[in-house]
Amino acid sequence: MTQPSQSGENASLFAGPGFPDRGHQVWVRGRKLELRVDSKTNTAVVEGKEVSLQGVNVVMIDGVDTGKITLATLWVEPTLSATTDLSEVLRQSTTLQDFVKK
């Protein structure tokens, strides 16, 4: 599974009162990934590709390292706590399991 850079370069572009959306830049394997979430339209835009957030709570992003971004969404039952291990979340969804195995 790809992990964001730990170089400290990951940053929020803008967020807070007065902004209908939030933007973030994350560095993954030396490539910048831009993500914008618009709360008014309930959408996310990842590298120019828009996806609806209606009825979903997971956005899966693949191809960051190649520049060929693929997005997929799904709903996972929100049973997380501060101590929940990611593997517990993955076990809830075969779709997530398959996506991570790519």
C-alpha atoms as a PDB file:
ATOM      1  CA  MET A   1       0.000   0.000   0.000  1.00  0.00           C
ATOM      2  CA  THR A   2       1.344   3.449  -0.894  1.00  0.00           C
ATOM      3  CA  GLN A   3       2.064   5.701   2.048  1.00  0.00           C
ATOM      4  CA  PRO A   4       2.303   9.516   1.865  1.00  0.00           C
ATOM      5  CA  SER A   5       5.738  11.054   2.071  1.00  0.00           C
ATOM      6  CA  GLN A   6       7.127  11.666   5.533  1.00  0.00           C
ATOM      7  CA  SER A   7       9.309  14.523   4.306  1.00  0.00           C
ATOM      8  CA  GLY A   8       6.970  17.107   5.806  1.00  0.00           C
ATOM      9  CA  GLU A   9       5.931  18.366   2.376  1.00  0.00           C
ATOM     10  CA  ASN A  10       2.321  17.227   2.752  1.00  0.00           C
ATOM     11  CA  ALA A  11       0.214  20.279   3.409  1.00  0.00           C
ATOM     12  CA  SER A  12      -3.286  21.650   3.410  1.00  0.00           C
ATOM     13  CA  LEU A  13      -3.698  24.270   0.695  1.00  0.00           C
ATOM     14  CA  PHE A  14      -6.690  25.970   2.291  1.00  0.00           C
ATOM     15  CA  ALA A  15      -9.396  25.142   4.750  1.00  0.00           C
ATOM     16  CA  GLY A  16     -11.626  26.695   7.344  1.00  0.00           C
ATOM     17  CA  PRO A  17     -14.466  29.187   7.650  1.00  0.00           C
ATOM     18  CA  GLY A  18     -15.240  31.027   4.436  1.00  0.00           C
ATOM     19  CA  PHE A  19     -13.972  28.211   2.213  1.00  0.00           C
ATOM     20  CA  PRO A  20     -16.634  25.867   0.769  1.00  0.00           C
ATOM     21  CA  ASP A  21     -13.929  23.354  -0.007  1.00  0.00           C
ATOM     22  CA  ARG A  22     -10.644  22.059   1.319  1.00  0.00           C
ATOM     23  CA  GLY A  23      -7.522  21.367  -0.688  1.00  0.00           C
ATOM     24  CA  HIS A  24      -4.552  19.208   0.122  1.00  0.00           C
ATOM     25  CA  GLN A  25      -1.240  18.340  -1.473  1.00  0.00           C
ATOM     26  CA  VAL A  26       0.356  15.015  -0.642  1.00  0.00           C
ATOM     27  CA  TRP A  27       3.648  13.687  -1.966  1.00  0.00           C
ATOM     28  CA  VAL A  28       3.566   9.977  -2.826  1.00  0.00           C
ATOM     29  CA  ARG A  29       6.760   8.338  -4.101  1.00  0.00           C
ATOM     30  CA  GLY A  30       8.086  11.671  -5.278  1.00  0.00           C
ATOM     31  CA  ARG A  31       4.902  12.747  -7.067  1.00  0.00           C
ATOM     32  CA  LYS A  32       2.567  15.479  -5.929  1.00  0.00           C
ATOM     33  CA  LEU A  33      -1.088  14.505  -5.545  1.00  0.00           C
ATOM     34  CA  GLU A  34      -3.690  17.260  -5.240  1.00  0.00           C
ATOM     35  CA  LEU A  35      -7.019  16.584  -3.585  1.00  0.00           C
ATOM     36  CA  ARG A  36      -9.902  19.017  -3.214  1.00  0.00           C
ATOM     37  CA  VAL A  37     -13.123  18.329  -1.308  1.00  0.00           C
ATOM     38  CA  ASP A  38     -16.132  20.577  -1.939  1.00  0.00           C
ATOM     39  CA  SER A  39     -18.706  20.395   0.852  1.00  0.00           C
ATOM     40  CA  LYS A  40     -21.316  22.350  -1.129  1.00  0.00           C
ATOM     41  CA  THR A  41     -21.397  19.903  -4.042  1.00  0.00           C
ATOM     42  CA  ASN A  42     -20.353  16.877  -1.954  1.00  0.00           C
ATOM     43  CA  THR A  43     -17.611  15.997  -4.421  1.00  0.00           C
ATOM     44  CA  ALA A  44     -13.884  15.375  -4.394  1.00  0.00           C
ATOM     45  CA  VAL A  45     -11.463  16.192  -7.184  1.00  0.00           C
ATOM     46  CA  VAL A  46      -8.219  14.246  -7.399  1.00  0.00           C
ATOM     47  CA  GLU A  47      -5.788  15.437 -10.062  1.00  0.00           C
ATOM     48  CA  GLY A  48      -8.675  16.890 -12.074  1.00  0.00           C
ATOM     49  CA  LYS A  49     -10.914  13.805 -11.791  1.00  0.00           C
ATOM     50  CA  GLU A  50     -14.172  14.441  -9.955  1.00  0.00           C
ATOM     51  CA  VAL A  51     -15.966  11.854  -7.861  1.00  0.00           C
ATOM     52  CA  SER A  52     -19.230  12.125  -5.923  1.00  0.00           C
ATOM     53  CA  LEU A  53     -19.042  11.630  -2.165  1.00  0.00           C
ATOM     54  CA  GLN A  54     -22.790  11.002  -1.879  1.00  0.00           C
ATOM     55  CA  GLY A  55     -23.360   7.782   0.049  1.00  0.00           C
ATOM     56  CA  VAL A  56     -19.673   6.878   0.327  1.00  0.00           C
ATOM     57  CA  ASN A  57     -17.013   7.281   2.984  1.00  0.00           C
ATOM     58  CA  VAL A  58     -13.977   5.797   1.214  1.00  0.00           C
ATOM     59  CA  VAL A  59     -12.225   7.167  -1.876  1.00  0.00           C
ATOM     60  CA  MET A  60      -9.650   4.776  -3.300  1.00  0.00           C
ATOM     61  CA  ILE A  61      -6.891   6.268  -5.450  1.00  0.00           C
ATOM     62  CA  ASP A  62      -4.621   4.167  -7.651  1.00  0.00           C
ATOM     63  CA  GLY A  63      -1.978   5.064 -10.201  1.00  0.00           C
ATOM     64  CA  VAL A  64      -0.396   7.951  -8.327  1.00  0.00           C
ATOM     65  CA  ASP A  65       3.064   6.587  -9.045  1.00  0.00           C
ATOM     66  CA  THR A  66       2.357   6.267 -12.782  1.00  0.00           C
ATOM     67  CA  GLY A  67       0.320   9.447 -13.243  1.00  0.00           C
ATOM     68  CA  LYS A  68      -2.661   7.437 -14.535  1.00  0.00           C
ATOM     69  CA  ILE A  69      -5.096   8.133 -11.700  1.00  0.00           C
ATOM     70  CA  THR A  70      -7.994   5.734 -11.147  1.00  0.00           C
ATOM     71  CA  LEU A  71     -10.660   6.532  -8.555  1.00  0.00           C
ATOM     72  CA  ALA A  72     -13.174   4.250  -6.915  1.00  0.00           C
ATOM     73  CA  THR A  73     -15.556   4.809  -4.017  1.00  0.00           C
ATOM     74  CA  LEU A  74     -17.468   2.707  -1.548  1.00  0.00           C
ATOM     75  CA  TRP A  75     -19.177   2.703   1.822  1.00  0.00           C
ATOM     76  CA  VAL A  76     -17.563   0.937   4.778  1.00  0.00           C
ATOM     77  CA  GLU A  77     -19.493   0.670   8.038  1.00  0.00           C
ATOM     78  CA  PRO A  78     -18.022   3.396  10.280  1.00  0.00           C
ATOM     79  CA  THR A  79     -17.045   1.366  13.329  1.00  0.00           C
ATOM     80  CA  LEU A  80     -13.606   2.900  13.800  1.00  0.00           C
ATOM     81  CA  SER A  81     -12.184   3.976  17.093  1.00  0.00           C
ATOM     82  CA  ALA A  82      -8.897   5.670  17.871  1.00  0.00           C
ATOM     83  CA  THR A  83      -7.310   2.234  18.253  1.00  0.00           C
ATOM     84  CA  THR A  84      -8.819   0.524  15.189  1.00  0.00           C
ATOM     85  CA  ASP A  85      -6.225  -1.185  13.036  1.00  0.00           C
ATOM     86  CA  LEU A  86      -6.514  -0.595   9.270  1.00  0.00           C
ATOM     87  CA  SER A  87      -6.586  -4.360   8.707  1.00  0.00           C
ATOM     88  CA  GLU A  88      -9.940  -4.469  10.552  1.00  0.00           C
ATOM     89  CA  VAL A  89     -11.371  -1.976   8.072  1.00  0.00           C
ATOM     90  CA  LEU A  90      -9.998  -3.943   5.124  1.00  0.00           C
ATOM     91  CA  ARG A  91     -11.628  -7.149   6.368  1.00  0.00           C
ATOM     92  CA  GLN A  92     -15.037  -5.441   6.111  1.00  0.00           C
ATOM     93  CA  SER A  93     -14.843  -5.050   2.354  1.00  0.00           C
ATOM     94  CA  THR A  94     -13.689  -7.428  -0.367  1.00  0.00           C
ATOM     95  CA  THR A  95     -13.653  -4.425  -2.710  1.00  0.00           C
ATOM     96  CA  LEU A  96     -11.074  -2.727  -0.493  1.00  0.00           C
ATOM     97  CA  GLN A  97      -9.084  -5.949  -0.184  1.00  0.00           C
ATOM     98  CA  ASP A  98      -8.971  -6.354  -3.968  1.00  0.00           C
ATOM     99  CA  PHE A  99      -8.021  -2.720  -4.485  1.00  0.00           C
ATOM    100  CA  VAL A 100      -5.114  -2.909  -2.018  1.00  0.00           C
ATOM    101  CA  LYS A 101      -3.819  -6.103  -3.650  1.00  0.00           C
ATOM    102  CA  LYS A 102      -3.389  -4.390  -7.046  1.00  0.00           C
END
